[in-house]
N, C-alpha and C. Protein backbone atom coordinates (compact mmCIF):
# COMPACT_ATOMS: atom_id res chain seq x y z
N MET A 1 0.82 -1.19 0.00
CA MET A 1 0.00 0.00 0.00
C MET A 1 0.87 1.26 0.00
N VAL A 2 2.00 1.22 0.71
CA VAL A 2 2.89 2.38 0.77
C VAL A 2 3.34 2.76 -0.64
N ALA A 3 3.75 1.79 -1.41
CA ALA A 3 4.25 2.05 -2.76
C ALA A 3 3.20 2.74 -3.61
N LYS A 4 1.98 2.23 -3.57
CA LYS A 4 0.88 2.80 -4.36
C LYS A 4 0.58 4.24 -3.95
N ARG A 5 0.51 4.47 -2.64
CA ARG A 5 0.20 5.82 -2.15
C ARG A 5 1.31 6.80 -2.49
N LEU A 6 2.57 6.37 -2.35
CA LEU A 6 3.69 7.27 -2.66
C LEU A 6 3.65 7.70 -4.12
N LYS A 7 3.39 6.75 -5.00
CA LYS A 7 3.36 7.07 -6.43
C LYS A 7 2.18 7.99 -6.74
N GLN A 8 1.01 7.70 -6.18
CA GLN A 8 -0.17 8.54 -6.41
C GLN A 8 0.08 9.98 -5.95
N LEU A 9 0.62 10.12 -4.76
CA LEU A 9 0.87 11.45 -4.20
C LEU A 9 1.92 12.21 -5.02
N ARG A 10 2.96 11.50 -5.41
CA ARG A 10 4.01 12.17 -6.19
C ARG A 10 3.47 12.65 -7.53
N LEU A 11 2.72 11.79 -8.22
CA LEU A 11 2.16 12.18 -9.52
C LEU A 11 1.16 13.32 -9.38
N ALA A 12 0.36 13.28 -8.31
CA ALA A 12 -0.62 14.35 -8.09
C ALA A 12 0.06 15.69 -7.84
N SER A 13 1.27 15.64 -7.28
CA SER A 13 1.99 16.89 -7.00
C SER A 13 2.91 17.30 -8.14
N SER A 14 2.91 16.51 -9.22
CA SER A 14 3.75 16.79 -10.40
C SER A 14 5.25 16.82 -10.06
N ALA A 15 5.63 16.04 -9.07
CA ALA A 15 7.05 15.97 -8.70
C ALA A 15 7.69 14.76 -9.38
N SER A 16 8.97 14.82 -9.56
CA SER A 16 9.70 13.68 -10.12
C SER A 16 10.21 12.81 -8.97
N GLN A 17 10.61 11.62 -9.30
CA GLN A 17 11.21 10.76 -8.29
C GLN A 17 12.47 11.41 -7.73
N ALA A 18 13.22 12.09 -8.58
CA ALA A 18 14.44 12.77 -8.13
C ALA A 18 14.12 13.87 -7.13
N ASP A 19 13.00 14.58 -7.36
CA ASP A 19 12.59 15.64 -6.42
C ASP A 19 12.34 15.07 -5.03
N ILE A 20 11.60 13.98 -4.98
CA ILE A 20 11.26 13.38 -3.69
C ILE A 20 12.50 12.73 -3.06
N ALA A 21 13.32 12.11 -3.88
CA ALA A 21 14.56 11.52 -3.37
C ALA A 21 15.43 12.58 -2.72
N HIS A 22 15.47 13.77 -3.30
CA HIS A 22 16.25 14.88 -2.75
C HIS A 22 15.74 15.25 -1.35
N ILE A 23 14.43 15.29 -1.18
CA ILE A 23 13.85 15.61 0.13
C ILE A 23 14.28 14.58 1.17
N LEU A 24 14.35 13.31 0.75
CA LEU A 24 14.71 12.23 1.66
C LEU A 24 16.22 12.04 1.79
N ASN A 25 16.97 12.77 0.95
CA ASN A 25 18.43 12.65 0.94
C ASN A 25 18.87 11.23 0.57
N ILE A 26 18.22 10.68 -0.45
CA ILE A 26 18.57 9.36 -0.97
C ILE A 26 18.65 9.46 -2.49
N SER A 27 19.11 8.42 -3.14
CA SER A 27 19.20 8.45 -4.60
C SER A 27 17.82 8.22 -5.22
N ARG A 28 17.70 8.60 -6.48
CA ARG A 28 16.44 8.40 -7.19
C ARG A 28 16.13 6.91 -7.29
N VAL A 29 17.17 6.11 -7.51
CA VAL A 29 16.99 4.66 -7.61
C VAL A 29 16.46 4.10 -6.29
N ALA A 30 17.02 4.55 -5.18
CA ALA A 30 16.55 4.09 -3.87
C ALA A 30 15.08 4.47 -3.67
N TYR A 31 14.72 5.70 -4.09
CA TYR A 31 13.32 6.10 -3.96
C TYR A 31 12.43 5.27 -4.87
N SER A 32 12.90 4.96 -6.07
CA SER A 32 12.08 4.17 -7.00
C SER A 32 11.78 2.79 -6.41
N PHE A 33 12.67 2.27 -5.58
CA PHE A 33 12.41 1.00 -4.90
C PHE A 33 11.21 1.13 -3.98
N TYR A 34 11.04 2.30 -3.34
CA TYR A 34 9.87 2.52 -2.48
C TYR A 34 8.59 2.44 -3.31
N GLU A 35 8.59 3.13 -4.45
CA GLU A 35 7.39 3.18 -5.28
C GLU A 35 7.09 1.83 -5.95
N ASN A 36 8.11 1.03 -6.16
CA ASN A 36 7.92 -0.28 -6.78
C ASN A 36 7.71 -1.40 -5.76
N GLY A 37 7.72 -1.06 -4.48
CA GLY A 37 7.48 -2.04 -3.43
C GLY A 37 8.64 -2.98 -3.16
N LYS A 38 9.82 -2.62 -3.66
CA LYS A 38 11.00 -3.47 -3.45
C LYS A 38 11.65 -3.21 -2.09
N ARG A 39 11.41 -2.01 -1.55
CA ARG A 39 11.92 -1.64 -0.23
C ARG A 39 10.86 -0.80 0.46
N GLN A 40 10.92 -0.79 1.79
CA GLN A 40 9.99 0.02 2.59
C GLN A 40 10.74 1.20 3.20
N PRO A 41 10.15 2.40 3.13
CA PRO A 41 10.81 3.54 3.78
C PRO A 41 10.85 3.36 5.30
N ASN A 42 11.90 3.87 5.92
CA ASN A 42 11.98 3.80 7.38
C ASN A 42 11.02 4.85 7.99
N LEU A 43 10.90 4.84 9.31
CA LEU A 43 9.96 5.74 9.98
C LEU A 43 10.28 7.21 9.73
N GLU A 44 11.56 7.54 9.73
CA GLU A 44 11.96 8.93 9.50
C GLU A 44 11.54 9.38 8.09
N SER A 45 11.75 8.52 7.11
CA SER A 45 11.35 8.84 5.74
C SER A 45 9.84 8.95 5.61
N LEU A 46 9.12 8.04 6.25
CA LEU A 46 7.65 8.11 6.22
C LEU A 46 7.16 9.43 6.82
N SER A 47 7.80 9.83 7.91
CA SER A 47 7.42 11.09 8.56
C SER A 47 7.70 12.28 7.65
N LEU A 48 8.85 12.30 7.01
CA LEU A 48 9.19 13.38 6.07
C LEU A 48 8.21 13.42 4.90
N LEU A 49 7.87 12.25 4.38
CA LEU A 49 6.94 12.18 3.25
C LEU A 49 5.55 12.63 3.66
N ALA A 50 5.11 12.22 4.83
CA ALA A 50 3.80 12.64 5.32
C ALA A 50 3.74 14.16 5.48
N ASP A 51 4.80 14.73 6.03
CA ASP A 51 4.85 16.20 6.16
C ASP A 51 4.87 16.87 4.80
N HIS A 52 5.64 16.32 3.89
CA HIS A 52 5.75 16.92 2.55
C HIS A 52 4.40 16.92 1.82
N TYR A 53 3.68 15.81 1.91
CA TYR A 53 2.40 15.69 1.20
C TYR A 53 1.21 16.15 2.03
N HIS A 54 1.46 16.55 3.28
CA HIS A 54 0.39 16.98 4.19
C HIS A 54 -0.66 15.88 4.38
N VAL A 55 -0.16 14.69 4.65
CA VAL A 55 -1.02 13.55 4.94
C VAL A 55 -0.50 12.90 6.22
N SER A 56 -1.24 11.93 6.73
CA SER A 56 -0.79 11.22 7.92
C SER A 56 0.06 10.01 7.51
N VAL A 57 0.89 9.56 8.42
CA VAL A 57 1.67 8.35 8.19
C VAL A 57 0.71 7.17 8.04
N ASP A 58 -0.37 7.15 8.82
CA ASP A 58 -1.36 6.08 8.69
C ASP A 58 -1.93 6.02 7.27
N TYR A 59 -2.12 7.17 6.64
CA TYR A 59 -2.61 7.19 5.26
C TYR A 59 -1.56 6.58 4.33
N LEU A 60 -0.31 6.97 4.50
CA LEU A 60 0.75 6.41 3.65
C LEU A 60 0.83 4.90 3.79
N MET A 61 0.62 4.41 4.99
CA MET A 61 0.74 2.97 5.24
C MET A 61 -0.53 2.19 4.89
N GLY A 62 -1.58 2.90 4.51
CA GLY A 62 -2.81 2.22 4.14
C GLY A 62 -3.68 1.83 5.32
N ARG A 63 -3.39 2.38 6.48
CA ARG A 63 -4.20 2.07 7.67
C ARG A 63 -5.50 2.83 7.69
N THR A 64 -5.59 3.89 6.90
CA THR A 64 -6.81 4.69 6.77
C THR A 64 -6.87 5.26 5.37
N ASP A 65 -8.07 5.56 4.94
CA ASP A 65 -8.25 6.23 3.65
C ASP A 65 -8.45 7.72 3.82
N ILE A 66 -8.38 8.20 5.05
CA ILE A 66 -8.50 9.62 5.34
C ILE A 66 -7.09 10.20 5.25
N SER A 67 -6.88 11.05 4.25
CA SER A 67 -5.51 11.50 3.98
C SER A 67 -5.02 12.56 4.95
N SER A 68 -5.89 13.44 5.40
CA SER A 68 -5.40 14.54 6.23
C SER A 68 -5.24 14.12 7.68
N PRO A 69 -4.18 14.59 8.31
CA PRO A 69 -3.99 14.26 9.72
C PRO A 69 -5.08 14.91 10.57
N ALA A 70 -5.39 14.30 11.69
CA ALA A 70 -6.41 14.85 12.58
C ALA A 70 -5.93 16.19 13.14
N GLN A 71 -6.87 17.11 13.24
CA GLN A 71 -6.54 18.41 13.83
C GLN A 71 -6.75 18.33 15.33
N GLU A 72 -5.90 19.02 16.06
CA GLU A 72 -6.07 19.06 17.51
C GLU A 72 -7.27 19.91 17.85
N LEU A 73 -7.98 19.50 18.90
CA LEU A 73 -9.15 20.25 19.34
C LEU A 73 -8.72 21.41 20.23
N SER A 74 -9.47 22.50 20.16
CA SER A 74 -9.22 23.63 21.05
C SER A 74 -9.73 23.27 22.44
N ALA A 75 -9.39 24.09 23.43
CA ALA A 75 -9.86 23.85 24.80
C ALA A 75 -11.38 23.88 24.84
N GLN A 76 -11.98 24.79 24.09
CA GLN A 76 -13.44 24.91 24.06
C GLN A 76 -14.07 23.66 23.42
N GLU A 77 -13.46 23.15 22.35
CA GLU A 77 -13.97 21.95 21.70
C GLU A 77 -13.82 20.73 22.62
N ASN A 78 -12.70 20.63 23.33
CA ASN A 78 -12.51 19.54 24.28
C ASN A 78 -13.56 19.59 25.40
N HIS A 79 -13.85 20.79 25.87
CA HIS A 79 -14.86 20.98 26.92
C HIS A 79 -16.23 20.53 26.42
N LEU A 80 -16.59 20.94 25.22
CA LEU A 80 -17.89 20.58 24.65
C LEU A 80 -17.98 19.06 24.45
N LEU A 81 -16.91 18.45 23.95
CA LEU A 81 -16.90 17.00 23.75
C LEU A 81 -17.04 16.27 25.09
N ALA A 82 -16.32 16.73 26.10
CA ALA A 82 -16.42 16.10 27.42
C ALA A 82 -17.84 16.24 27.98
N TYR A 83 -18.44 17.40 27.79
CA TYR A 83 -19.82 17.63 28.25
C TYR A 83 -20.78 16.71 27.52
N PHE A 84 -20.61 16.58 26.20
CA PHE A 84 -21.47 15.70 25.40
C PHE A 84 -21.33 14.25 25.86
N ARG A 85 -20.11 13.80 26.06
CA ARG A 85 -19.88 12.41 26.48
C ARG A 85 -20.44 12.13 27.88
N ALA A 86 -20.42 13.14 28.74
CA ALA A 86 -20.92 12.96 30.10
C ALA A 86 -22.45 13.02 30.17
N SER A 87 -23.09 13.50 29.12
CA SER A 87 -24.54 13.65 29.12
C SER A 87 -25.24 12.31 28.92
N ASP A 88 -26.48 12.22 29.40
CA ASP A 88 -27.28 11.04 29.12
C ASP A 88 -27.90 11.21 27.72
N ASN A 89 -28.68 10.24 27.28
CA ASN A 89 -29.25 10.28 25.94
C ASN A 89 -30.08 11.53 25.70
N ARG A 90 -30.90 11.93 26.70
CA ARG A 90 -31.72 13.13 26.55
C ARG A 90 -30.85 14.36 26.36
N GLY A 91 -29.78 14.46 27.12
CA GLY A 91 -28.88 15.59 27.00
C GLY A 91 -28.18 15.61 25.65
N ARG A 92 -27.75 14.45 25.16
CA ARG A 92 -27.10 14.37 23.85
C ARG A 92 -28.07 14.76 22.74
N GLU A 93 -29.31 14.29 22.84
CA GLU A 93 -30.31 14.64 21.83
C GLU A 93 -30.56 16.15 21.82
N ALA A 94 -30.59 16.77 23.01
CA ALA A 94 -30.79 18.22 23.10
C ALA A 94 -29.63 18.98 22.47
N ILE A 95 -28.42 18.52 22.73
CA ILE A 95 -27.22 19.17 22.15
C ILE A 95 -27.24 19.04 20.63
N LEU A 96 -27.55 17.86 20.13
CA LEU A 96 -27.61 17.65 18.68
C LEU A 96 -28.74 18.46 18.04
N ALA A 97 -29.89 18.55 18.71
CA ALA A 97 -31.00 19.34 18.18
C ALA A 97 -30.60 20.82 18.10
N LEU A 98 -29.95 21.32 19.13
CA LEU A 98 -29.49 22.71 19.12
C LEU A 98 -28.47 22.94 18.01
N SER A 99 -27.58 21.98 17.83
CA SER A 99 -26.58 22.07 16.76
C SER A 99 -27.24 22.10 15.38
N ASN A 100 -28.22 21.24 15.16
CA ASN A 100 -28.94 21.22 13.89
C ASN A 100 -29.69 22.52 13.66
N TYR A 101 -30.31 23.04 14.71
CA TYR A 101 -31.03 24.32 14.61
C TYR A 101 -30.07 25.44 14.24
N GLU A 102 -28.93 25.48 14.89
CA GLU A 102 -27.92 26.51 14.61
C GLU A 102 -27.43 26.43 13.17
N ALA A 103 -27.23 25.20 12.67
CA ALA A 103 -26.77 25.02 11.29
C ALA A 103 -27.82 25.54 10.30
N LYS A 104 -29.10 25.28 10.57
CA LYS A 104 -30.17 25.77 9.69
C LYS A 104 -30.23 27.28 9.70
N ILE A 105 -30.13 27.89 10.86
CA ILE A 105 -30.17 29.36 10.97
C ILE A 105 -28.98 29.96 10.22
N SER A 106 -27.78 29.40 10.41
CA SER A 106 -26.59 29.90 9.72
C SER A 106 -26.75 29.80 8.21
N SER A 107 -27.32 28.70 7.74
CA SER A 107 -27.55 28.50 6.31
C SER A 107 -28.52 29.54 5.76
N LEU A 108 -29.59 29.81 6.50
CA LEU A 108 -30.57 30.81 6.06
C LEU A 108 -29.95 32.20 6.00
N ILE A 109 -29.13 32.52 6.98
CA ILE A 109 -28.48 33.84 7.01
C ILE A 109 -27.53 33.97 5.83
N LYS A 110 -26.75 32.92 5.53
CA LYS A 110 -25.83 32.96 4.39
C LYS A 110 -26.59 33.12 3.09
N THR A 111 -27.70 32.40 2.95
CA THR A 111 -28.52 32.51 1.73
C THR A 111 -29.08 33.91 1.58
N LYS A 112 -29.59 34.46 2.66
CA LYS A 112 -30.17 35.82 2.64
C LYS A 112 -29.10 36.85 2.29
N THR A 113 -27.89 36.70 2.84
CA THR A 113 -26.78 37.61 2.56
C THR A 113 -26.36 37.49 1.10
N ALA A 114 -26.32 36.27 0.57
CA ALA A 114 -25.93 36.07 -0.83
C ALA A 114 -26.95 36.69 -1.77
N VAL A 115 -28.22 36.62 -1.44
CA VAL A 115 -29.27 37.21 -2.27
C VAL A 115 -29.13 38.73 -2.28
N LYS A 116 -28.83 39.34 -1.14
CA LYS A 116 -28.66 40.78 -1.06
C LYS A 116 -27.47 41.26 -1.90
N LYS A 117 -26.41 40.44 -1.97
CA LYS A 117 -25.21 40.84 -2.70
C LYS A 117 -25.35 40.67 -4.21
N THR A 118 -26.36 39.93 -4.66
CA THR A 118 -26.56 39.71 -6.09
C THR A 118 -27.00 41.02 -6.73
N PRO A 119 -26.26 41.52 -7.72
CA PRO A 119 -26.61 42.81 -8.35
C PRO A 119 -27.90 42.65 -9.18
N PRO A 120 -28.73 43.70 -9.20
CA PRO A 120 -29.95 43.65 -10.00
C PRO A 120 -29.63 43.64 -11.49
N LYS A 121 -30.50 43.03 -12.27
CA LYS A 121 -30.29 42.93 -13.71
C LYS A 121 -31.03 44.03 -14.43
């Protein structure tokens, strides 16, 4: 899976094997072994590649199909998640209902604002 993902990411970024080999400080031939599945990159190389492509190491290894690394939660988001997890079913349903209501209101406001910005014909 690593070989397939490395080749896909490199081609999508329009980089050459030599370009990526330079980042890893290895030869182009050594890098081509990674893409052909003849050798596996070490952890340091996987980390460099993940940073370069802005993906997770788990994505490179095929452990997940979600390419972007998880974002850290803010203190406020952690607090809300802890509150949600500590709630009973009724409390969770109330939180979700409020969230859905807020999303609908935000959508209506955005639509109304977009209509106002549309120039008359």
